[in-house]
Amino acid sequence: MNERDAALWWARIRSGGPQQVSAGGPTPAGLRRLVEADARAVWLIPNLPDSAGQAVLIEYGVPGSSMMDSKGTLRVLAATLRCCWPDPATDPWPGLPAFTGHVGQVLQRLVPARNKVSRQQLLSAGLRRLAVSGWVLLEGADTVRIGPRIASFGSLELSTLRELWRLIPDTAEDRSEGS
């Protein structure tokens, strides 16, 4: 792969987030491959060091983790992680698929003061925002899983996520109820 091709891949990632490609292709310089569970495709994400701060992210043109409606959207991300990441001792990506109904049940415990309609709006809007930025993948109308952008977290962020995962309530009954 030449320098021009690598620059095009970086431009695609800067403008559209992680890129899914077929498993057999080359990897541009500075990018990392995340293999899907079925090994038919891979995601290309920036390969940045754990210590990369905001200045490095700006230099590489990689967006930070800020989101519109960050409190609500981050709660949706937390509920999704709790449902799609069964064992916090492992890496979160690629995780397992979960029903959006299950994510909604966990979200209900995170925002108990919201009524059902408001909570459903928060869930739908949050999942859409997270999917656009690569934090989650929407698979069909009622299934979600962790997106490839989660793999860009460094060891410090993962340590924090693992601790938060333990604090988010989830029970086996929630999983059996589905939606």
N, C-alpha and C. Protein backbone atom coordinates (compact mmCIF):
# COMPACT_ATOMS: atom_id res chain seq x y z
N MET A 1 0.85 -1.17 0.00
CA MET A 1 0.00 0.00 0.00
C MET A 1 0.89 1.23 0.00
N ASN A 2 0.62 2.15 -0.91
CA ASN A 2 1.45 3.35 -0.98
C ASN A 2 0.92 4.45 -0.06
N GLU A 3 1.68 5.54 0.00
CA GLU A 3 1.35 6.64 0.90
C GLU A 3 0.00 7.29 0.54
N ARG A 4 -0.29 7.39 -0.73
CA ARG A 4 -1.55 7.99 -1.18
C ARG A 4 -2.74 7.16 -0.71
N ASP A 5 -2.66 5.83 -0.85
CA ASP A 5 -3.74 4.95 -0.41
C ASP A 5 -3.94 5.04 1.10
N ALA A 6 -2.83 5.08 1.84
CA ALA A 6 -2.92 5.20 3.30
C ALA A 6 -3.60 6.51 3.69
N ALA A 7 -3.26 7.60 2.98
CA ALA A 7 -3.88 8.90 3.26
C ALA A 7 -5.37 8.87 2.98
N LEU A 8 -5.79 8.15 1.93
CA LEU A 8 -7.23 8.03 1.64
C LEU A 8 -7.95 7.27 2.75
N TRP A 9 -7.33 6.22 3.26
CA TRP A 9 -7.95 5.47 4.36
C TRP A 9 -8.09 6.35 5.60
N TRP A 10 -7.05 7.12 5.90
CA TRP A 10 -7.12 8.02 7.05
C TRP A 10 -8.24 9.04 6.85
N ALA A 11 -8.39 9.54 5.64
CA ALA A 11 -9.47 10.51 5.37
C ALA A 11 -10.83 9.87 5.58
N ARG A 12 -10.98 8.63 5.14
CA ARG A 12 -12.26 7.92 5.34
C ARG A 12 -12.57 7.76 6.82
N ILE A 13 -11.56 7.41 7.60
CA ILE A 13 -11.77 7.19 9.03
C ILE A 13 -12.05 8.52 9.74
N ARG A 14 -11.34 9.56 9.33
CA ARG A 14 -11.59 10.88 9.92
C ARG A 14 -12.99 11.36 9.64
N SER A 15 -13.49 11.09 8.47
CA SER A 15 -14.82 11.60 8.12
C SER A 15 -15.96 10.68 8.53
N GLY A 16 -15.71 9.37 8.58
CA GLY A 16 -16.80 8.44 8.84
C GLY A 16 -16.60 7.47 9.98
N GLY A 17 -15.51 7.60 10.73
CA GLY A 17 -15.26 6.68 11.83
C GLY A 17 -14.67 5.37 11.36
N PRO A 18 -14.67 4.35 12.20
CA PRO A 18 -14.10 3.05 11.83
C PRO A 18 -14.70 2.53 10.53
N GLN A 19 -13.87 1.90 9.72
CA GLN A 19 -14.29 1.42 8.42
C GLN A 19 -14.26 -0.11 8.38
N GLN A 20 -15.33 -0.72 7.89
CA GLN A 20 -15.39 -2.17 7.75
C GLN A 20 -14.95 -2.54 6.33
N VAL A 21 -14.00 -3.50 6.24
CA VAL A 21 -13.47 -3.95 4.95
C VAL A 21 -13.40 -5.46 4.94
N SER A 22 -13.16 -6.04 3.76
CA SER A 22 -13.04 -7.50 3.68
C SER A 22 -11.77 -7.94 4.40
N ALA A 23 -11.76 -9.17 4.82
CA ALA A 23 -10.68 -9.68 5.66
C ALA A 23 -9.35 -9.81 4.95
N GLY A 24 -9.32 -9.93 3.65
CA GLY A 24 -8.06 -10.20 2.95
C GLY A 24 -7.25 -9.00 2.54
N GLY A 25 -7.72 -7.80 2.73
CA GLY A 25 -7.03 -6.61 2.23
C GLY A 25 -5.86 -6.17 3.09
N PRO A 26 -5.07 -5.24 2.57
CA PRO A 26 -3.91 -4.73 3.32
C PRO A 26 -4.34 -3.76 4.42
N THR A 27 -3.43 -3.49 5.34
CA THR A 27 -3.68 -2.54 6.43
C THR A 27 -2.82 -1.31 6.22
N PRO A 28 -3.43 -0.15 6.09
CA PRO A 28 -2.65 1.08 5.92
C PRO A 28 -1.81 1.37 7.16
N ALA A 29 -0.72 2.09 6.95
CA ALA A 29 0.17 2.46 8.06
C ALA A 29 -0.60 3.25 9.10
N GLY A 30 -0.37 2.92 10.36
CA GLY A 30 -0.99 3.64 11.46
C GLY A 30 -2.38 3.19 11.83
N LEU A 31 -2.91 2.20 11.12
CA LEU A 31 -4.24 1.68 11.44
C LEU A 31 -4.13 0.27 11.98
N ARG A 32 -5.12 -0.13 12.72
CA ARG A 32 -5.18 -1.46 13.33
C ARG A 32 -6.39 -2.20 12.81
N ARG A 33 -6.25 -3.52 12.66
CA ARG A 33 -7.35 -4.36 12.18
C ARG A 33 -8.02 -5.05 13.36
N LEU A 34 -9.34 -4.98 13.40
CA LEU A 34 -10.14 -5.71 14.39
C LEU A 34 -10.97 -6.72 13.63
N VAL A 35 -10.73 -7.98 13.86
CA VAL A 35 -11.40 -9.04 13.11
C VAL A 35 -12.77 -9.30 13.71
N GLU A 36 -13.79 -9.36 12.84
CA GLU A 36 -15.14 -9.72 13.27
C GLU A 36 -15.15 -11.16 13.76
N ALA A 37 -16.13 -11.52 14.56
CA ALA A 37 -16.22 -12.86 15.13
C ALA A 37 -16.29 -13.94 14.06
N ASP A 38 -16.94 -13.66 12.92
CA ASP A 38 -17.04 -14.65 11.86
C ASP A 38 -15.82 -14.64 10.93
N ALA A 39 -14.87 -13.75 11.14
CA ALA A 39 -13.63 -13.62 10.39
C ALA A 39 -13.84 -13.29 8.91
N ARG A 40 -15.02 -12.82 8.53
CA ARG A 40 -15.27 -12.46 7.13
C ARG A 40 -14.95 -11.00 6.85
N ALA A 41 -14.87 -10.20 7.87
CA ALA A 41 -14.59 -8.78 7.70
C ALA A 41 -13.74 -8.29 8.86
N VAL A 42 -13.12 -7.15 8.64
CA VAL A 42 -12.34 -6.50 9.69
C VAL A 42 -12.72 -5.03 9.74
N TRP A 43 -12.44 -4.40 10.87
CA TRP A 43 -12.63 -2.97 11.04
C TRP A 43 -11.26 -2.34 11.10
N LEU A 44 -11.09 -1.22 10.43
CA LEU A 44 -9.85 -0.45 10.50
C LEU A 44 -10.09 0.73 11.44
N ILE A 45 -9.23 0.82 12.47
CA ILE A 45 -9.31 1.92 13.43
C ILE A 45 -7.90 2.46 13.63
N PRO A 46 -7.78 3.72 14.06
CA PRO A 46 -6.44 4.28 14.31
C PRO A 46 -5.72 3.50 15.40
N ASN A 47 -4.44 3.29 15.21
CA ASN A 47 -3.62 2.61 16.20
C ASN A 47 -2.84 3.66 16.97
N LEU A 48 -3.46 4.21 17.99
CA LEU A 48 -2.85 5.27 18.78
C LEU A 48 -2.36 4.70 20.11
N PRO A 49 -1.26 5.24 20.64
CA PRO A 49 -0.77 4.75 21.93
C PRO A 49 -1.75 5.06 23.05
N ASP A 50 -1.68 4.27 24.14
CA ASP A 50 -2.55 4.49 25.29
C ASP A 50 -2.43 5.90 25.85
N SER A 51 -1.26 6.47 25.74
CA SER A 51 -1.01 7.79 26.33
C SER A 51 -1.44 8.94 25.44
N ALA A 52 -2.05 8.64 24.28
CA ALA A 52 -2.45 9.71 23.35
C ALA A 52 -3.50 10.61 24.01
N GLY A 53 -3.15 11.86 24.14
CA GLY A 53 -4.07 12.83 24.73
C GLY A 53 -4.83 13.58 23.66
N GLN A 54 -5.52 14.64 24.08
CA GLN A 54 -6.35 15.41 23.16
C GLN A 54 -5.53 16.01 22.02
N ALA A 55 -4.29 16.46 22.30
CA ALA A 55 -3.45 17.07 21.26
C ALA A 55 -3.13 16.06 20.16
N VAL A 56 -2.86 14.81 20.53
CA VAL A 56 -2.57 13.77 19.54
C VAL A 56 -3.81 13.46 18.72
N LEU A 57 -4.95 13.37 19.38
CA LEU A 57 -6.20 13.11 18.66
C LEU A 57 -6.49 14.21 17.64
N ILE A 58 -6.25 15.45 18.03
CA ILE A 58 -6.46 16.57 17.11
C ILE A 58 -5.48 16.47 15.94
N GLU A 59 -4.21 16.17 16.23
CA GLU A 59 -3.20 16.06 15.17
C GLU A 59 -3.56 14.99 14.15
N TYR A 60 -4.07 13.85 14.62
CA TYR A 60 -4.44 12.77 13.72
C TYR A 60 -5.84 12.94 13.13
N GLY A 61 -6.55 13.94 13.60
CA GLY A 61 -7.90 14.17 13.08
C GLY A 61 -8.90 13.14 13.56
N VAL A 62 -8.62 12.53 14.70
CA VAL A 62 -9.51 11.52 15.25
C VAL A 62 -10.40 12.19 16.29
N PRO A 63 -11.72 12.06 16.17
CA PRO A 63 -12.60 12.73 17.13
C PRO A 63 -12.45 12.15 18.53
N GLY A 64 -12.59 13.00 19.52
CA GLY A 64 -12.57 12.55 20.91
C GLY A 64 -13.86 11.86 21.27
N SER A 65 -14.09 11.66 22.52
CA SER A 65 -15.26 10.90 22.93
C SER A 65 -16.46 11.78 23.27
N SER A 66 -16.40 13.06 22.94
CA SER A 66 -17.53 13.92 23.27
C SER A 66 -18.74 13.57 22.40
N MET A 67 -19.91 13.69 22.97
CA MET A 67 -21.15 13.36 22.28
C MET A 67 -22.21 14.39 22.63
N MET A 68 -23.13 14.60 21.70
CA MET A 68 -24.28 15.44 22.02
C MET A 68 -25.09 14.71 23.09
N ASP A 69 -25.73 15.47 23.97
CA ASP A 69 -26.52 14.87 25.04
C ASP A 69 -25.69 13.83 25.77
N SER A 70 -24.49 14.22 26.18
CA SER A 70 -23.53 13.25 26.69
C SER A 70 -24.05 12.44 27.88
N LYS A 71 -24.78 13.05 28.79
CA LYS A 71 -25.25 12.28 29.95
C LYS A 71 -26.17 11.14 29.52
N GLY A 72 -27.17 11.46 28.71
CA GLY A 72 -28.10 10.43 28.26
C GLY A 72 -27.45 9.42 27.35
N THR A 73 -26.65 9.89 26.41
CA THR A 73 -26.00 8.99 25.45
C THR A 73 -24.99 8.10 26.17
N LEU A 74 -24.27 8.65 27.11
CA LEU A 74 -23.30 7.83 27.86
C LEU A 74 -24.00 6.77 28.71
N ARG A 75 -25.19 7.09 29.20
CA ARG A 75 -25.95 6.07 29.94
C ARG A 75 -26.40 4.95 29.00
N VAL A 76 -26.77 5.30 27.78
CA VAL A 76 -27.14 4.28 26.79
C VAL A 76 -25.91 3.43 26.46
N LEU A 77 -24.77 4.06 26.31
CA LEU A 77 -23.53 3.30 26.06
C LEU A 77 -23.22 2.38 27.24
N ALA A 78 -23.39 2.87 28.46
CA ALA A 78 -23.14 2.05 29.64
C ALA A 78 -24.08 0.85 29.68
N ALA A 79 -25.36 1.08 29.40
CA ALA A 79 -26.32 -0.03 29.39
C ALA A 79 -25.98 -1.04 28.29
N THR A 80 -25.55 -0.54 27.13
CA THR A 80 -25.16 -1.44 26.03
C THR A 80 -23.94 -2.26 26.42
N LEU A 81 -22.95 -1.61 27.01
CA LEU A 81 -21.75 -2.34 27.45
C LEU A 81 -22.12 -3.42 28.46
N ARG A 82 -23.02 -3.09 29.38
CA ARG A 82 -23.41 -4.05 30.41
C ARG A 82 -24.08 -5.28 29.79
N CYS A 83 -24.85 -5.05 28.73
CA CYS A 83 -25.57 -6.15 28.09
C CYS A 83 -24.72 -6.93 27.09
N CYS A 84 -23.80 -6.27 26.43
CA CYS A 84 -23.04 -6.89 25.34
C CYS A 84 -21.65 -7.36 25.75
N TRP A 85 -21.23 -7.05 26.93
CA TRP A 85 -19.89 -7.42 27.42
C TRP A 85 -20.09 -8.36 28.61
N PRO A 86 -20.17 -9.65 28.36
CA PRO A 86 -20.54 -10.58 29.43
C PRO A 86 -19.48 -10.76 30.52
N ASP A 87 -18.22 -10.56 30.21
CA ASP A 87 -17.16 -10.79 31.18
C ASP A 87 -16.17 -9.63 31.16
N PRO A 88 -16.16 -8.80 32.21
CA PRO A 88 -15.27 -7.64 32.21
C PRO A 88 -13.79 -8.01 32.31
N ALA A 89 -13.47 -9.26 32.53
CA ALA A 89 -12.07 -9.68 32.56
C ALA A 89 -11.52 -9.83 31.14
N THR A 90 -12.40 -9.84 30.14
CA THR A 90 -11.98 -9.96 28.74
C THR A 90 -12.04 -8.58 28.07
N ASP A 91 -11.55 -8.51 26.85
CA ASP A 91 -11.69 -7.28 26.08
C ASP A 91 -13.15 -7.09 25.71
N PRO A 92 -13.63 -5.85 25.70
CA PRO A 92 -15.04 -5.63 25.40
C PRO A 92 -15.42 -5.88 23.94
N TRP A 93 -14.49 -5.66 23.00
CA TRP A 93 -14.83 -5.83 21.59
C TRP A 93 -14.42 -7.21 21.13
N PRO A 94 -15.22 -7.94 20.39
CA PRO A 94 -16.45 -7.54 19.73
C PRO A 94 -17.70 -7.72 20.59
N GLY A 95 -17.60 -8.33 21.74
CA GLY A 95 -18.77 -8.49 22.58
C GLY A 95 -19.79 -9.43 21.97
N LEU A 96 -20.96 -9.47 22.59
CA LEU A 96 -22.05 -10.32 22.12
C LEU A 96 -23.25 -9.45 21.76
N PRO A 97 -24.07 -9.90 20.81
CA PRO A 97 -25.28 -9.14 20.51
C PRO A 97 -26.26 -9.17 21.68
N ALA A 98 -27.04 -8.11 21.81
CA ALA A 98 -28.06 -8.05 22.86
C ALA A 98 -29.33 -7.44 22.26
N PHE A 99 -30.46 -7.84 22.80
CA PHE A 99 -31.73 -7.25 22.39
C PHE A 99 -31.79 -5.81 22.92
N THR A 100 -32.31 -4.91 22.10
CA THR A 100 -32.45 -3.53 22.56
C THR A 100 -33.41 -3.45 23.75
N GLY A 101 -34.33 -4.39 23.84
CA GLY A 101 -35.22 -4.43 25.00
C GLY A 101 -34.46 -4.67 26.29
N HIS A 102 -33.44 -5.52 26.23
CA HIS A 102 -32.61 -5.77 27.41
C HIS A 102 -31.81 -4.53 27.76
N VAL A 103 -31.27 -3.86 26.75
CA VAL A 103 -30.53 -2.62 26.98
C VAL A 103 -31.48 -1.60 27.62
N GLY A 104 -32.72 -1.55 27.15
CA GLY A 104 -33.71 -0.65 27.72
C GLY A 104 -34.01 -0.95 29.18
N GLN A 105 -34.02 -2.24 29.55
CA GLN A 105 -34.27 -2.61 30.94
C GLN A 105 -33.12 -2.16 31.84
N VAL A 106 -31.89 -2.31 31.36
CA VAL A 106 -30.74 -1.84 32.14
C VAL A 106 -30.76 -0.32 32.22
N LEU A 107 -31.09 0.34 31.12
CA LEU A 107 -31.19 1.79 31.10
C LEU A 107 -32.24 2.28 32.10
N GLN A 108 -33.33 1.54 32.25
CA GLN A 108 -34.37 1.90 33.21
C GLN A 108 -33.79 1.98 34.62
N ARG A 109 -32.86 1.10 34.93
CA ARG A 109 -32.24 1.13 36.26
C ARG A 109 -31.27 2.30 36.39
N LEU A 110 -30.73 2.77 35.26
CA LEU A 110 -29.79 3.89 35.31
C LEU A 110 -30.50 5.24 35.34
N VAL A 111 -31.72 5.30 34.80
CA VAL A 111 -32.51 6.54 34.79
C VAL A 111 -33.92 6.24 35.28
N PRO A 112 -34.07 5.87 36.55
CA PRO A 112 -35.37 5.42 37.06
C PRO A 112 -36.43 6.52 37.08
N ALA A 113 -36.05 7.78 37.06
CA ALA A 113 -37.04 8.86 37.14
C ALA A 113 -37.73 9.13 35.81
N ARG A 114 -37.21 8.61 34.72
CA ARG A 114 -37.82 8.86 33.40
C ARG A 114 -39.01 7.94 33.18
N ASN A 115 -40.03 8.47 32.51
CA ASN A 115 -41.17 7.62 32.18
C ASN A 115 -40.81 6.74 30.98
N LYS A 116 -41.68 5.80 30.65
CA LYS A 116 -41.40 4.81 29.62
C LYS A 116 -41.16 5.46 28.25
N VAL A 117 -41.98 6.43 27.87
CA VAL A 117 -41.84 7.09 26.57
C VAL A 117 -40.52 7.86 26.50
N SER A 118 -40.23 8.62 27.53
CA SER A 118 -38.98 9.39 27.57
C SER A 118 -37.76 8.48 27.52
N ARG A 119 -37.83 7.37 28.24
CA ARG A 119 -36.71 6.41 28.27
C ARG A 119 -36.53 5.77 26.90
N GLN A 120 -37.64 5.44 26.21
CA GLN A 120 -37.54 4.84 24.88
C GLN A 120 -36.95 5.84 23.88
N GLN A 121 -37.33 7.10 24.00
CA GLN A 121 -36.75 8.14 23.14
C GLN A 121 -35.26 8.28 23.40
N LEU A 122 -34.87 8.27 24.67
CA LEU A 122 -33.45 8.34 25.02
C LEU A 122 -32.69 7.15 24.44
N LEU A 123 -33.26 5.96 24.57
CA LEU A 123 -32.61 4.75 24.05
C LEU A 123 -32.45 4.82 22.54
N SER A 124 -33.51 5.16 21.82
CA SER A 124 -33.45 5.22 20.36
C SER A 124 -32.47 6.28 19.87
N ALA A 125 -32.56 7.47 20.42
CA ALA A 125 -31.67 8.56 20.00
C ALA A 125 -30.23 8.24 20.38
N GLY A 126 -30.02 7.72 21.57
CA GLY A 126 -28.66 7.38 22.01
C GLY A 126 -28.03 6.30 21.14
N LEU A 127 -28.80 5.26 20.82
CA LEU A 127 -28.26 4.20 19.97
C LEU A 127 -27.93 4.72 18.57
N ARG A 128 -28.77 5.60 18.04
CA ARG A 128 -28.48 6.18 16.71
C ARG A 128 -27.19 6.99 16.74
N ARG A 129 -27.03 7.84 17.75
CA ARG A 129 -25.81 8.66 17.86
C ARG A 129 -24.59 7.77 18.04
N LEU A 130 -24.70 6.76 18.87
CA LEU A 130 -23.57 5.87 19.12
C LEU A 130 -23.22 5.04 17.89
N ALA A 131 -24.21 4.66 17.11
CA ALA A 131 -23.96 3.88 15.89
C ALA A 131 -23.26 4.73 14.84
N VAL A 132 -23.68 5.98 14.69
CA VAL A 132 -23.06 6.87 13.70
C VAL A 132 -21.58 7.07 14.01
N SER A 133 -21.23 7.13 15.27
CA SER A 133 -19.84 7.38 15.65
C SER A 133 -19.03 6.11 15.87
N GLY A 134 -19.63 4.94 15.67
CA GLY A 134 -18.87 3.69 15.76
C GLY A 134 -18.74 3.10 17.15
N TRP A 135 -19.47 3.64 18.14
CA TRP A 135 -19.40 3.08 19.49
C TRP A 135 -20.24 1.81 19.60
N VAL A 136 -21.32 1.73 18.85
CA VAL A 136 -22.15 0.52 18.82
C VAL A 136 -22.48 0.19 17.37
N LEU A 137 -22.90 -1.05 17.15
CA LEU A 137 -23.37 -1.50 15.84
C LEU A 137 -24.81 -1.94 15.99
N LEU A 138 -25.69 -1.41 15.16
CA LEU A 138 -27.08 -1.83 15.16
C LEU A 138 -27.21 -2.97 14.16
N GLU A 139 -27.70 -4.10 14.63
CA GLU A 139 -27.86 -5.28 13.79
C GLU A 139 -29.33 -5.63 13.73
N GLY A 140 -29.99 -5.17 12.70
CA GLY A 140 -31.42 -5.39 12.60
C GLY A 140 -32.17 -4.38 13.43
N ALA A 141 -33.47 -4.60 13.52
CA ALA A 141 -34.34 -3.64 14.21
C ALA A 141 -34.25 -3.72 15.72
N ASP A 142 -33.85 -4.87 16.26
CA ASP A 142 -33.91 -5.02 17.72
C ASP A 142 -32.65 -5.61 18.34
N THR A 143 -31.52 -5.52 17.65
CA THR A 143 -30.28 -6.09 18.18
C THR A 143 -29.16 -5.06 18.07
N VAL A 144 -28.35 -5.01 19.10
CA VAL A 144 -27.22 -4.09 19.16
C VAL A 144 -26.00 -4.85 19.67
N ARG A 145 -24.81 -4.38 19.29
CA ARG A 145 -23.60 -4.91 19.89
C ARG A 145 -22.56 -3.81 19.94
N ILE A 146 -21.50 -4.05 20.65
CA ILE A 146 -20.44 -3.07 20.84
C ILE A 146 -19.75 -2.80 19.51
N GLY A 147 -19.47 -1.54 19.25
CA GLY A 147 -18.82 -1.15 18.01
C GLY A 147 -17.30 -1.19 18.11
N PRO A 148 -16.63 -1.11 16.98
CA PRO A 148 -15.18 -1.23 16.95
C PRO A 148 -14.45 -0.07 17.63
N ARG A 149 -15.09 1.05 17.79
CA ARG A 149 -14.42 2.19 18.41
C ARG A 149 -14.05 1.90 19.87
N ILE A 150 -14.77 1.00 20.52
CA ILE A 150 -14.46 0.62 21.90
C ILE A 150 -13.05 0.06 21.99
N ALA A 151 -12.59 -0.60 20.93
CA ALA A 151 -11.24 -1.20 20.94
C ALA A 151 -10.15 -0.15 20.98
N SER A 152 -10.49 1.11 20.76
CA SER A 152 -9.47 2.16 20.82
C SER A 152 -9.20 2.62 22.25
N PHE A 153 -9.97 2.14 23.20
CA PHE A 153 -9.73 2.51 24.60
C PHE A 153 -8.40 1.94 25.07
N GLY A 154 -7.66 2.75 25.81
CA GLY A 154 -6.41 2.31 26.40
C GLY A 154 -6.64 1.56 27.70
N SER A 155 -5.56 1.12 28.31
CA SER A 155 -5.68 0.31 29.53
C SER A 155 -6.31 1.09 30.68
N LEU A 156 -6.04 2.38 30.79
CA LEU A 156 -6.63 3.18 31.86
C LEU A 156 -8.14 3.30 31.68
N GLU A 157 -8.59 3.57 30.44
CA GLU A 157 -10.03 3.65 30.19
C GLU A 157 -10.71 2.30 30.42
N LEU A 158 -10.06 1.22 29.99
CA LEU A 158 -10.64 -0.11 30.20
C LEU A 158 -10.75 -0.44 31.69
N SER A 159 -9.77 -0.04 32.45
CA SER A 159 -9.82 -0.27 33.90
C SER A 159 -11.03 0.46 34.50
N THR A 160 -11.24 1.69 34.07
CA THR A 160 -12.40 2.46 34.54
C THR A 160 -13.70 1.81 34.08
N LEU A 161 -13.75 1.37 32.81
CA LEU A 161 -14.95 0.70 32.30
C LEU A 161 -15.27 -0.56 33.09
N ARG A 162 -14.24 -1.32 33.41
CA ARG A 162 -14.46 -2.56 34.17
C ARG A 162 -15.07 -2.26 35.54
N GLU A 163 -14.59 -1.21 36.18
CA GLU A 163 -15.14 -0.84 37.48
C GLU A 163 -16.58 -0.37 37.35
N LEU A 164 -16.86 0.45 36.33
CA LEU A 164 -18.23 0.91 36.11
C LEU A 164 -19.16 -0.24 35.75
N TRP A 165 -18.68 -1.19 34.96
CA TRP A 165 -19.47 -2.36 34.56
C TRP A 165 -20.00 -3.07 35.80
N ARG A 166 -19.15 -3.19 36.81
CA ARG A 166 -19.55 -3.89 38.04
C ARG A 166 -20.63 -3.12 38.81
N LEU A 167 -20.69 -1.80 38.61
CA LEU A 167 -21.66 -0.98 39.33
C LEU A 167 -23.02 -0.90 38.64
N ILE A 168 -23.07 -1.25 37.36
CA ILE A 168 -24.33 -1.17 36.61
C ILE A 168 -25.16 -2.41 36.88
N PRO A 169 -26.37 -2.25 37.39
CA PRO A 169 -27.19 -3.41 37.73
C PRO A 169 -27.65 -4.20 36.49
N ASP A 170 -27.58 -5.50 36.59
CA ASP A 170 -28.05 -6.40 35.54
C ASP A 170 -28.32 -7.74 36.20
N THR A 171 -29.37 -8.41 35.80
CA THR A 171 -29.68 -9.71 36.37
C THR A 171 -29.95 -10.72 35.27
N ALA A 172 -29.86 -11.99 35.61
CA ALA A 172 -30.12 -13.06 34.64
C ALA A 172 -31.57 -13.00 34.15
N GLU A 173 -32.49 -12.54 35.02
CA GLU A 173 -33.89 -12.46 34.61
C GLU A 173 -34.07 -11.49 33.45
N ASP A 174 -33.28 -10.38 33.46
CA ASP A 174 -33.38 -9.41 32.38
C ASP A 174 -33.07 -10.05 31.04
N ARG A 175 -32.07 -10.89 30.99
CA ARG A 175 -31.66 -11.51 29.73
C ARG A 175 -32.73 -12.48 29.21
N SER A 176 -33.39 -13.19 30.11
CA SER A 176 -34.38 -14.17 29.67
C SER A 176 -35.65 -13.50 29.17
N GLU A 177 -35.92 -12.24 29.59
CA GLU A 177 -37.12 -11.55 29.17
C GLU A 177 -37.04 -11.07 27.73
N GLY A 178 -35.80 -10.86 27.20
CA GLY A 178 -35.63 -10.42 25.82
C GLY A 178 -35.98 -8.96 25.64
N SER A 179 -37.19 -8.63 25.22
CA SER A 179 -37.53 -7.24 25.00
C SER A 179 -38.58 -6.71 25.92
